[in-house]
Amino acid sequence: MVSAALVGVWDVRIKTPIGTLSVMYTFTERNGVLSATATGAHETVPVTDIVCTGEDTVTWRQTVSRPMRLHLRFDIRVDGDRLDGYSRAGRLPRSVVSGVRRR
């Protein structure tokens, strides 16, 4: 199941129109509930609305305030220690997301 596959610390790169962002995601599971935080250069924010949508796919939302306030939605596929997919902020173009789990 994808929720168990997500648990851990991930180094993620998000290729946005203004440049590539490096973000560390920390996913934990407690009593069957998945939670996470995202830590970027300027802030750590909670990851919300985490939903496993298939055997290897997951969506989530997060709000950032830097470099500007954005509400982001992620659609991600997990394959072992790698993840890929995209994020989107409203009407802005999709941003490519890729990452690897720390060992």
PDB file of N, CA and C in Angstrom:
ATOM      1  N   MET A   1       0.838  -1.186   0.000  1.00  0.00           N
ATOM      2  CA  MET A   1       0.000   0.000   0.000  1.00  0.00           C
ATOM      3  C   MET A   1       0.879   1.244   0.000  1.00  0.00           C
ATOM      4  N   VAL A   2       0.434   2.276  -0.687  1.00  0.00           N
ATOM      5  CA  VAL A   2       1.247   3.475  -0.872  1.00  0.00           C
ATOM      6  C   VAL A   2       1.495   4.229   0.433  1.00  0.00           C
ATOM      7  N   SER A   3       0.578   4.180   1.398  1.00  0.00           N
ATOM      8  CA  SER A   3       0.807   4.927   2.640  1.00  0.00           C
ATOM      9  C   SER A   3       2.054   4.427   3.354  1.00  0.00           C
ATOM     10  N   ALA A   4       2.225   3.118   3.441  1.00  0.00           N
ATOM     11  CA  ALA A   4       3.426   2.562   4.065  1.00  0.00           C
ATOM     12  C   ALA A   4       4.660   2.869   3.225  1.00  0.00           C
ATOM     13  N   ALA A   5       4.502   2.906   1.911  1.00  0.00           N
ATOM     14  CA  ALA A   5       5.622   3.184   1.017  1.00  0.00           C
ATOM     15  C   ALA A   5       6.111   4.623   1.130  1.00  0.00           C
ATOM     16  N   LEU A   6       5.276   5.520   1.614  1.00  0.00           N
ATOM     17  CA  LEU A   6       5.656   6.931   1.735  1.00  0.00           C
ATOM     18  C   LEU A   6       6.423   7.251   3.010  1.00  0.00           C
ATOM     19  N   VAL A   7       6.288   6.437   4.034  1.00  0.00           N
ATOM     20  CA  VAL A   7       6.895   6.739   5.331  1.00  0.00           C
ATOM     21  C   VAL A   7       8.406   6.890   5.169  1.00  0.00           C
ATOM     22  N   GLY A   8       8.919   7.990   5.693  1.00  0.00           N
ATOM     23  CA  GLY A   8      10.343   8.265   5.623  1.00  0.00           C
ATOM     24  C   GLY A   8      10.601   9.716   5.272  1.00  0.00           C
ATOM     25  N   VAL A   9      11.867  10.000   5.019  1.00  0.00           N
ATOM     26  CA  VAL A   9      12.295  11.353   4.662  1.00  0.00           C
ATOM     27  C   VAL A   9      12.666  11.353   3.182  1.00  0.00           C
ATOM     28  N   TRP A  10      12.128  12.320   2.456  1.00  0.00           N
ATOM     29  CA  TRP A  10      12.305  12.409   1.012  1.00  0.00           C
ATOM     30  C   TRP A  10      12.964  13.738   0.630  1.00  0.00           C
ATOM     31  N   ASP A  11      13.932  13.670  -0.272  1.00  0.00           N
ATOM     32  CA  ASP A  11      14.515  14.865  -0.876  1.00  0.00           C
ATOM     33  C   ASP A  11      13.831  15.055  -2.223  1.00  0.00           C
ATOM     34  N   VAL A  12      13.092  16.147  -2.346  1.00  0.00           N
ATOM     35  CA  VAL A  12      12.230  16.367  -3.506  1.00  0.00           C
ATOM     36  C   VAL A  12      12.641  17.649  -4.222  1.00  0.00           C
ATOM     37  N   ARG A  13      12.577  17.602  -5.551  1.00  0.00           N
ATOM     38  CA  ARG A  13      12.837  18.778  -6.384  1.00  0.00           C
ATOM     39  C   ARG A  13      11.563  19.104  -7.145  1.00  0.00           C
ATOM     40  N   ILE A  14      11.192  20.378  -7.114  1.00  0.00           N
ATOM     41  CA  ILE A  14      10.002  20.855  -7.808  1.00  0.00           C
ATOM     42  C   ILE A  14      10.459  21.880  -8.840  1.00  0.00           C
ATOM     43  N   LYS A  15      10.280  21.553 -10.118  1.00  0.00           N
ATOM     44  CA  LYS A  15      10.700  22.444 -11.203  1.00  0.00           C
ATOM     45  C   LYS A  15       9.560  23.401 -11.520  1.00  0.00           C
ATOM     46  N   THR A  16       9.691  24.644 -11.058  1.00  0.00           N
ATOM     47  CA  THR A  16       8.648  25.654 -11.227  1.00  0.00           C
ATOM     48  C   THR A  16       9.052  26.647 -12.319  1.00  0.00           C
ATOM     49  N   PRO A  17       8.122  27.464 -12.774  1.00  0.00           N
ATOM     50  CA  PRO A  17       8.475  28.486 -13.767  1.00  0.00           C
ATOM     51  C   PRO A  17       9.522  29.489 -13.267  1.00  0.00           C
ATOM     52  N   ILE A  18       9.681  29.629 -11.946  1.00  0.00           N
ATOM     53  CA  ILE A  18      10.662  30.584 -11.417  1.00  0.00           C
ATOM     54  C   ILE A  18      11.954  29.913 -10.963  1.00  0.00           C
ATOM     55  N   GLY A  19      12.090  28.611 -11.203  1.00  0.00           N
ATOM     56  CA  GLY A  19      13.293  27.888 -10.823  1.00  0.00           C
ATOM     57  C   GLY A  19      12.971  26.599 -10.093  1.00  0.00           C
ATOM     58  N   THR A  20      14.004  25.826  -9.810  1.00  0.00           N
ATOM     59  CA  THR A  20      13.841  24.544  -9.133  1.00  0.00           C
ATOM     60  C   THR A  20      13.955  24.735  -7.628  1.00  0.00           C
ATOM     61  N   LEU A  21      12.975  24.196  -6.908  1.00  0.00           N
ATOM     62  CA  LEU A  21      12.957  24.269  -5.451  1.00  0.00           C
ATOM     63  C   LEU A  21      13.342  22.917  -4.868  1.00  0.00           C
ATOM     64  N   SER A  22      14.142  22.919  -3.823  1.00  0.00           N
ATOM     65  CA  SER A  22      14.487  21.704  -3.086  1.00  0.00           C
ATOM     66  C   SER A  22      13.698  21.697  -1.789  1.00  0.00           C
ATOM     67  N   VAL A  23      12.976  20.608  -1.550  1.00  0.00           N
ATOM     68  CA  VAL A  23      12.107  20.503  -0.382  1.00  0.00           C
ATOM     69  C   VAL A  23      12.320  19.141   0.261  1.00  0.00           C
ATOM     70  N   MET A  24      12.384  19.112   1.585  1.00  0.00           N
ATOM     71  CA  MET A  24      12.471  17.857   2.322  1.00  0.00           C
ATOM     72  C   MET A  24      11.086  17.538   2.887  1.00  0.00           C
ATOM     73  N   TYR A  25      10.569  16.371   2.526  1.00  0.00           N
ATOM     74  CA  TYR A  25       9.284  15.906   3.049  1.00  0.00           C
ATOM     75  C   TYR A  25       9.542  14.816   4.071  1.00  0.00           C
ATOM     76  N   THR A  26       8.846  14.894   5.197  1.00  0.00           N
ATOM     77  CA  THR A  26       8.919  13.862   6.226  1.00  0.00           C
ATOM     78  C   THR A  26       7.523  13.293   6.417  1.00  0.00           C
ATOM     79  N   PHE A  27       7.349  12.022   6.025  1.00  0.00           N
ATOM     80  CA  PHE A  27       6.068  11.330   6.162  1.00  0.00           C
ATOM     81  C   PHE A  27       6.151  10.349   7.324  1.00  0.00           C
ATOM     82  N   THR A  28       5.151  10.367   8.188  1.00  0.00           N
ATOM     83  CA  THR A  28       5.060   9.429   9.305  1.00  0.00           C
ATOM     84  C   THR A  28       3.671   8.806   9.309  1.00  0.00           C
ATOM     85  N   GLU A  29       3.590   7.633   9.924  1.00  0.00           N
ATOM     86  CA  GLU A  29       2.299   6.962  10.062  1.00  0.00           C
ATOM     87  C   GLU A  29       2.128   6.557  11.517  1.00  0.00           C
ATOM     88  N   ARG A  30       0.978   6.897  12.081  1.00  0.00           N
ATOM     89  CA  ARG A  30       0.692   6.545  13.468  1.00  0.00           C
ATOM     90  C   ARG A  30      -0.755   6.096  13.556  1.00  0.00           C
ATOM     91  N   ASN A  31      -0.942   4.893  14.067  1.00  0.00           N
ATOM     92  CA  ASN A  31      -2.286   4.317  14.189  1.00  0.00           C
ATOM     93  C   ASN A  31      -3.035   4.344  12.859  1.00  0.00           C
ATOM     94  N   GLY A  32      -2.310   4.068  11.780  1.00  0.00           N
ATOM     95  CA  GLY A  32      -2.929   4.010  10.462  1.00  0.00           C
ATOM     96  C   GLY A  32      -3.184   5.346   9.803  1.00  0.00           C
ATOM     97  N   VAL A  33      -2.745   6.444  10.436  1.00  0.00           N
ATOM     98  CA  VAL A  33      -2.976   7.779   9.877  1.00  0.00           C
ATOM     99  C   VAL A  33      -1.643   8.344   9.379  1.00  0.00           C
ATOM    100  N   LEU A  34      -1.624   8.743   8.121  1.00  0.00           N
ATOM    101  CA  LEU A  34      -0.434   9.302   7.504  1.00  0.00           C
ATOM    102  C   LEU A  34      -0.411  10.813   7.711  1.00  0.00           C
ATOM    103  N   SER A  35       0.743  11.352   8.114  1.00  0.00           N
ATOM    104  CA  SER A  35       0.903  12.803   8.244  1.00  0.00           C
ATOM    105  C   SER A  35       2.279  13.172   7.698  1.00  0.00           C
ATOM    106  N   ALA A  36       2.462  14.476   7.432  1.00  0.00           N
ATOM    107  CA  ALA A  36       3.727  14.892   6.831  1.00  0.00           C
ATOM    108  C   ALA A  36       3.962  16.380   7.031  1.00  0.00           C
ATOM    109  N   THR A  37       5.237  16.755   6.880  1.00  0.00           N
ATOM    110  CA  THR A  37       5.636  18.158   6.816  1.00  0.00           C
ATOM    111  C   THR A  37       6.540  18.337   5.603  1.00  0.00           C
ATOM    112  N   ALA A  38       6.585  19.566   5.117  1.00  0.00           N
ATOM    113  CA  ALA A  38       7.461  19.935   4.008  1.00  0.00           C
ATOM    114  C   ALA A  38       8.352  21.074   4.482  1.00  0.00           C
ATOM    115  N   THR A  39       9.670  20.900   4.334  1.00  0.00           N
ATOM    116  CA  THR A  39      10.620  21.911   4.767  1.00  0.00           C
ATOM    117  C   THR A  39      11.394  22.421   3.565  1.00  0.00           C
ATOM    118  N   GLY A  40      11.235  23.714   3.290  1.00  0.00           N
ATOM    119  CA  GLY A  40      11.959  24.362   2.203  1.00  0.00           C
ATOM    120  C   GLY A  40      12.994  25.308   2.763  1.00  0.00           C
ATOM    121  N   ALA A  41      13.492  26.187   1.918  1.00  0.00           N
ATOM    122  CA  ALA A  41      14.542  27.116   2.332  1.00  0.00           C
ATOM    123  C   ALA A  41      14.074  28.097   3.391  1.00  0.00           C
ATOM    124  N   HIS A  42      12.785  28.439   3.386  1.00  0.00           N
ATOM    125  CA  HIS A  42      12.303  29.507   4.252  1.00  0.00           C
ATOM    126  C   HIS A  42      11.311  29.088   5.322  1.00  0.00           C
ATOM    127  N   GLU A  43      10.740  27.887   5.218  1.00  0.00           N
ATOM    128  CA  GLU A  43       9.686  27.525   6.168  1.00  0.00           C
ATOM    129  C   GLU A  43       9.425  26.024   6.169  1.00  0.00           C
ATOM    130  N   THR A  44       8.782  25.574   7.242  1.00  0.00           N
ATOM    131  CA  THR A  44       8.263  24.210   7.341  1.00  0.00           C
ATOM    132  C   THR A  44       6.757  24.324   7.459  1.00  0.00           C
ATOM    133  N   VAL A  45       6.050  23.580   6.595  1.00  0.00           N
ATOM    134  CA  VAL A  45       4.586  23.660   6.574  1.00  0.00           C
ATOM    135  C   VAL A  45       3.993  22.259   6.663  1.00  0.00           C
ATOM    136  N   PRO A  46       2.783  22.150   7.200  1.00  0.00           N
ATOM    137  CA  PRO A  46       2.125  20.845   7.237  1.00  0.00           C
ATOM    138  C   PRO A  46       1.612  20.456   5.854  1.00  0.00           C
ATOM    139  N   VAL A  47       1.634  19.165   5.597  1.00  0.00           N
ATOM    140  CA  VAL A  47       1.021  18.594   4.401  1.00  0.00           C
ATOM    141  C   VAL A  47      -0.366  18.137   4.823  1.00  0.00           C
ATOM    142  N   THR A  48      -1.394  18.491   4.053  1.00  0.00           N
ATOM    143  CA  THR A  48      -2.771  18.186   4.437  1.00  0.00           C
ATOM    144  C   THR A  48      -3.465  17.372   3.354  1.00  0.00           C
ATOM    145  N   ASP A  49      -4.620  16.841   3.718  1.00  0.00           N
ATOM    146  CA  ASP A  49      -5.478  16.117   2.768  1.00  0.00           C
ATOM    147  C   ASP A  49      -4.725  15.026   2.020  1.00  0.00           C
ATOM    148  N   ILE A  50      -3.918  14.243   2.738  1.00  0.00           N
ATOM    149  CA  ILE A  50      -3.172  13.153   2.112  1.00  0.00           C
ATOM    150  C   ILE A  50      -4.152  12.027   1.800  1.00  0.00           C
ATOM    151  N   VAL A  51      -4.232  11.662   0.512  1.00  0.00           N
ATOM    152  CA  VAL A  51      -5.161  10.617   0.079  1.00  0.00           C
ATOM    153  C   VAL A  51      -4.421   9.645  -0.830  1.00  0.00           C
ATOM    154  N   CYS A  52      -4.416   8.372  -0.452  1.00  0.00           N
ATOM    155  CA  CYS A  52      -3.866   7.327  -1.305  1.00  0.00           C
ATOM    156  C   CYS A  52      -4.940   6.980  -2.329  1.00  0.00           C
ATOM    157  N   THR A  53      -4.659   7.255  -3.603  1.00  0.00           N
ATOM    158  CA  THR A  53      -5.673   7.115  -4.642  1.00  0.00           C
ATOM    159  C   THR A  53      -5.533   5.837  -5.450  1.00  0.00           C
ATOM    160  N   GLY A  54      -4.554   5.027  -5.148  1.00  0.00           N
ATOM    161  CA  GLY A  54      -4.321   3.779  -5.860  1.00  0.00           C
ATOM    162  C   GLY A  54      -3.206   3.022  -5.182  1.00  0.00           C
ATOM    163  N   GLU A  55      -2.774   1.936  -5.820  1.00  0.00           N
ATOM    164  CA  GLU A  55      -1.712   1.119  -5.224  1.00  0.00           C
ATOM    165  C   GLU A  55      -0.397   1.873  -5.108  1.00  0.00           C
ATOM    166  N   ASP A  56      -0.153   2.809  -6.015  1.00  0.00           N
ATOM    167  CA  ASP A  56       1.125   3.525  -5.998  1.00  0.00           C
ATOM    168  C   ASP A  56       0.969   5.032  -6.181  1.00  0.00           C
ATOM    169  N   THR A  57      -0.235   5.555  -6.001  1.00  0.00           N
ATOM    170  CA  THR A  57      -0.458   6.984  -6.209  1.00  0.00           C
ATOM    171  C   THR A  57      -1.044   7.647  -4.969  1.00  0.00           C
ATOM    172  N   VAL A  58      -0.695   8.914  -4.804  1.00  0.00           N
ATOM    173  CA  VAL A  58      -1.136   9.679  -3.635  1.00  0.00           C
ATOM    174  C   VAL A  58      -1.302  11.147  -4.041  1.00  0.00           C
ATOM    175  N   THR A  59      -2.235  11.816  -3.400  1.00  0.00           N
ATOM    176  CA  THR A  59      -2.392  13.263  -3.577  1.00  0.00           C
ATOM    177  C   THR A  59      -2.284  13.921  -2.212  1.00  0.00           C
ATOM    178  N   TRP A  60      -1.884  15.177  -2.201  1.00  0.00           N
ATOM    179  CA  TRP A  60      -1.902  15.958  -0.969  1.00  0.00           C
ATOM    180  C   TRP A  60      -1.942  17.438  -1.320  1.00  0.00           C
ATOM    181  N   ARG A  61      -2.165  18.237  -0.285  1.00  0.00           N
ATOM    182  CA  ARG A  61      -2.191  19.697  -0.427  1.00  0.00           C
ATOM    183  C   ARG A  61      -1.247  20.311   0.603  1.00  0.00           C
ATOM    184  N   GLN A  62      -0.769  21.487   0.261  1.00  0.00           N
ATOM    185  CA  GLN A  62       0.000  22.264   1.226  1.00  0.00           C
ATOM    186  C   GLN A  62      -0.081  23.729   0.826  1.00  0.00           C
ATOM    187  N   THR A  63       0.088  24.591   1.811  1.00  0.00           N
ATOM    188  CA  THR A  63       0.089  26.030   1.577  1.00  0.00           C
ATOM    189  C   THR A  63       1.455  26.565   1.959  1.00  0.00           C
ATOM    190  N   VAL A  64       2.033  27.354   1.078  1.00  0.00           N
ATOM    191  CA  VAL A  64       3.317  27.995   1.364  1.00  0.00           C
ATOM    192  C   VAL A  64       3.114  29.503   1.357  1.00  0.00           C
ATOM    193  N   SER A  65       3.983  30.207   2.072  1.00  0.00           N
ATOM    194  CA  SER A  65       3.886  31.668   2.087  1.00  0.00           C
ATOM    195  C   SER A  65       5.103  32.331   1.457  1.00  0.00           C
ATOM    196  N   ARG A  66       6.133  31.529   1.140  1.00  0.00           N
ATOM    197  CA  ARG A  66       7.335  32.074   0.523  1.00  0.00           C
ATOM    198  C   ARG A  66       7.746  31.197  -0.644  1.00  0.00           C
ATOM    199  N   PRO A  67       8.157  31.701  -1.758  1.00  0.00           N
ATOM    200  CA  PRO A  67       8.396  33.115  -2.002  1.00  0.00           C
ATOM    201  C   PRO A  67       7.111  33.941  -2.142  1.00  0.00           C
ATOM    202  N   MET A  68       5.976  33.277  -2.331  1.00  0.00           N
ATOM    203  CA  MET A  68       4.679  33.962  -2.343  1.00  0.00           C
ATOM    204  C   MET A  68       3.644  32.991  -1.795  1.00  0.00           C
ATOM    205  N   ARG A  69       2.508  33.505  -1.371  1.00  0.00           N
ATOM    206  CA  ARG A  69       1.474  32.636  -0.807  1.00  0.00           C
ATOM    207  C   ARG A  69       0.802  31.852  -1.927  1.00  0.00           C
ATOM    208  N   LEU A  70       0.877  30.524  -1.824  1.00  0.00           N
ATOM    209  CA  LEU A  70       0.290  29.627  -2.816  1.00  0.00           C
ATOM    210  C   LEU A  70      -0.356  28.445  -2.118  1.00  0.00           C
ATOM    211  N   HIS A  71      -1.445  27.968  -2.690  1.00  0.00           N
ATOM    212  CA  HIS A  71      -2.095  26.738  -2.255  1.00  0.00           C
ATOM    213  C   HIS A  71      -1.769  25.691  -3.313  1.00  0.00           C
ATOM    214  N   LEU A  72      -1.021  24.675  -2.935  1.00  0.00           N
ATOM    215  CA  LEU A  72      -0.519  23.680  -3.877  1.00  0.00           C
ATOM    216  C   LEU A  72      -1.271  22.366  -3.746  1.00  0.00           C
ATOM    217  N   ARG A  73      -1.450  21.682  -4.879  1.00  0.00           N
ATOM    218  CA  ARG A  73      -2.023  20.339  -4.908  1.00  0.00           C
ATOM    219  C   ARG A  73      -1.018  19.441  -5.621  1.00  0.00           C
ATOM    220  N   PHE A  74      -0.709  18.305  -5.010  1.00  0.00           N
ATOM    221  CA  PHE A  74       0.268  17.370  -5.554  1.00  0.00           C
ATOM    222  C   PHE A  74      -0.418  16.085  -5.997  1.00  0.00           C
ATOM    223  N   ASP A  75       0.016  15.549  -7.139  1.00  0.00           N
ATOM    224  CA  ASP A  75      -0.386  14.231  -7.639  1.00  0.00           C
ATOM    225  C   ASP A  75       0.903  13.459  -7.884  1.00  0.00           C
ATOM    226  N   ILE A  76       1.117  12.403  -7.103  1.00  0.00           N
ATOM    227  CA  ILE A  76       2.421  11.739  -7.055  1.00  0.00           C
ATOM    228  C   ILE A  76       2.267  10.233  -7.224  1.00  0.00           C
ATOM    229  N   ARG A  77       3.260   9.626  -7.894  1.00  0.00           N
ATOM    230  CA  ARG A  77       3.364   8.173  -7.999  1.00  0.00           C
ATOM    231  C   ARG A  77       4.632   7.751  -7.267  1.00  0.00           C
ATOM    232  N   VAL A  78       4.511   6.727  -6.425  1.00  0.00           N
ATOM    233  CA  VAL A  78       5.634   6.227  -5.636  1.00  0.00           C
ATOM    234  C   VAL A  78       6.081   4.891  -6.211  1.00  0.00           C
ATOM    235  N   ASP A  79       7.406   4.752  -6.424  1.00  0.00           N
ATOM    236  CA  ASP A  79       7.978   3.508  -6.934  1.00  0.00           C
ATOM    237  C   ASP A  79       9.220   3.202  -6.108  1.00  0.00           C
ATOM    238  N   GLY A  80       9.039   2.410  -5.050  1.00  0.00           N
ATOM    239  CA  GLY A  80      10.159   2.090  -4.169  1.00  0.00           C
ATOM    240  C   GLY A  80      10.673   3.328  -3.463  1.00  0.00           C
ATOM    241  N   ASP A  81      11.947   3.656  -3.717  1.00  0.00           N
ATOM    242  CA  ASP A  81      12.571   4.818  -3.086  1.00  0.00           C
ATOM    243  C   ASP A  81      12.558   6.053  -3.983  1.00  0.00           C
ATOM    244  N   ARG A  82      11.700   6.048  -4.980  1.00  0.00           N
ATOM    245  CA  ARG A  82      11.571   7.194  -5.888  1.00  0.00           C
ATOM    246  C   ARG A  82      10.114   7.621  -5.972  1.00  0.00           C
ATOM    247  N   LEU A  83       9.919   8.913  -6.186  1.00  0.00           N
ATOM    248  CA  LEU A  83       8.573   9.412  -6.455  1.00  0.00           C
ATOM    249  C   LEU A  83       8.644  10.415  -7.593  1.00  0.00           C
ATOM    250  N   ASP A  84       7.546  10.533  -8.317  1.00  0.00           N
ATOM    251  CA  ASP A  84       7.468  11.513  -9.390  1.00  0.00           C
ATOM    252  C   ASP A  84       6.015  11.898  -9.607  1.00  0.00           C
ATOM    253  N   GLY A  85       5.827  13.027 -10.230  1.00  0.00           N
ATOM    254  CA  GLY A  85       4.484  13.515 -10.502  1.00  0.00           C
ATOM    255  C   GLY A  85       4.518  14.998 -10.759  1.00  0.00           C
ATOM    256  N   TYR A  86       3.491  15.690 -10.269  1.00  0.00           N
ATOM    257  CA  TYR A  86       3.439  17.126 -10.486  1.00  0.00           C
ATOM    258  C   TYR A  86       2.692  17.817  -9.358  1.00  0.00           C
ATOM    259  N   SER A  87       2.916  19.114  -9.278  1.00  0.00           N
ATOM    260  CA  SER A  87       2.151  19.962  -8.368  1.00  0.00           C
ATOM    261  C   SER A  87       1.545  21.086  -9.195  1.00  0.00           C
ATOM    262  N   ARG A  88       0.505  21.675  -8.650  1.00  0.00           N
ATOM    263  CA  ARG A  88      -0.155  22.777  -9.349  1.00  0.00           C
ATOM    264  C   ARG A  88      -0.662  23.766  -8.314  1.00  0.00           C
ATOM    265  N   ALA A  89      -0.523  25.035  -8.635  1.00  0.00           N
ATOM    266  CA  ALA A  89      -1.045  26.117  -7.793  1.00  0.00           C
ATOM    267  C   ALA A  89      -2.090  26.863  -8.606  1.00  0.00           C
ATOM    268  N   GLY A  90      -3.349  26.567  -8.341  1.00  0.00           N
ATOM    269  CA  GLY A  90      -4.434  27.252  -9.045  1.00  0.00           C
ATOM    270  C   GLY A  90      -4.324  27.122 -10.542  1.00  0.00           C
ATOM    271  N   ARG A  91      -4.321  28.263 -11.226  1.00  0.00           N
ATOM    272  CA  ARG A  91      -4.279  28.278 -12.689  1.00  0.00           C
ATOM    273  C   ARG A  91      -2.867  28.293 -13.254  1.00  0.00           C
ATOM    274  N   LEU A  92      -1.883  28.307 -12.394  1.00  0.00           N
ATOM    275  CA  LEU A  92      -0.497  28.293 -12.864  1.00  0.00           C
ATOM    276  C   LEU A  92      -0.191  26.959 -13.537  1.00  0.00           C
ATOM    277  N   PRO A  93       0.824  26.932 -14.417  1.00  0.00           N
ATOM    278  CA  PRO A  93       1.193  25.667 -15.069  1.00  0.00           C
ATOM    279  C   PRO A  93       1.636  24.620 -14.046  1.00  0.00           C
ATOM    280  N   ARG A  94       1.493  23.351 -14.427  1.00  0.00           N
ATOM    281  CA  ARG A  94       1.971  22.266 -13.568  1.00  0.00           C
ATOM    282  C   ARG A  94       3.480  22.356 -13.406  1.00  0.00           C
ATOM    283  N   SER A  95       3.955  21.945 -12.236  1.00  0.00           N
ATOM    284  CA  SER A  95       5.388  21.873 -11.959  1.00  0.00           C
ATOM    285  C   SER A  95       5.761  20.412 -11.786  1.00  0.00           C
ATOM    286  N   VAL A  96       6.830  19.988 -12.443  1.00  0.00           N
ATOM    287  CA  VAL A  96       7.287  18.605 -12.355  1.00  0.00           C
ATOM    288  C   VAL A  96       7.922  18.371 -10.989  1.00  0.00           C
ATOM    289  N   VAL A  97       7.558  17.247 -10.369  1.00  0.00           N
ATOM    290  CA  VAL A  97       8.051  16.875  -9.042  1.00  0.00           C
ATOM    291  C   VAL A  97       8.788  15.544  -9.154  1.00  0.00           C
ATOM    292  N   SER A  98       9.971  15.449  -8.552  1.00  0.00           N
ATOM    293  CA  SER A  98      10.692  14.177  -8.479  1.00  0.00           C
ATOM    294  C   SER A  98      11.435  14.132  -7.154  1.00  0.00           C
ATOM    295  N   GLY A  99      11.633  12.922  -6.647  1.00  0.00           N
ATOM    296  CA  GLY A  99      12.320  12.818  -5.370  1.00  0.00           C
ATOM    297  C   GLY A  99      12.835  11.431  -5.085  1.00  0.00           C
ATOM    298  N   VAL A 100      13.727  11.360  -4.098  1.00  0.00           N
ATOM    299  CA  VAL A 100      14.284  10.094  -3.635  1.00  0.00           C
ATOM    300  C   VAL A 100      14.222  10.059  -2.115  1.00  0.00           C
ATOM    301  N   ARG A 101      14.016   8.851  -1.598  1.00  0.00           N
ATOM    302  CA  ARG A 101      13.986   8.657  -0.150  1.00  0.00           C
ATOM    303  C   ARG A 101      15.415   8.632   0.385  1.00  0.00           C
ATOM    304  N   ARG A 102      15.614   9.283   1.526  1.00  0.00           N
ATOM    305  CA  ARG A 102      16.926   9.242   2.188  1.00  0.00           C
ATOM    306  C   ARG A 102      17.146   7.867   2.787  1.00  0.00           C
ATOM    307  N   ARG A 103      18.374   7.420   2.785  1.00  0.00           N
ATOM    308  CA  ARG A 103      18.751   6.135   3.392  1.00  0.00           C
ATOM    309  C   ARG A 103      19.479   6.361   4.678  1.00  0.00           C
TER     310      ARG A 103
END
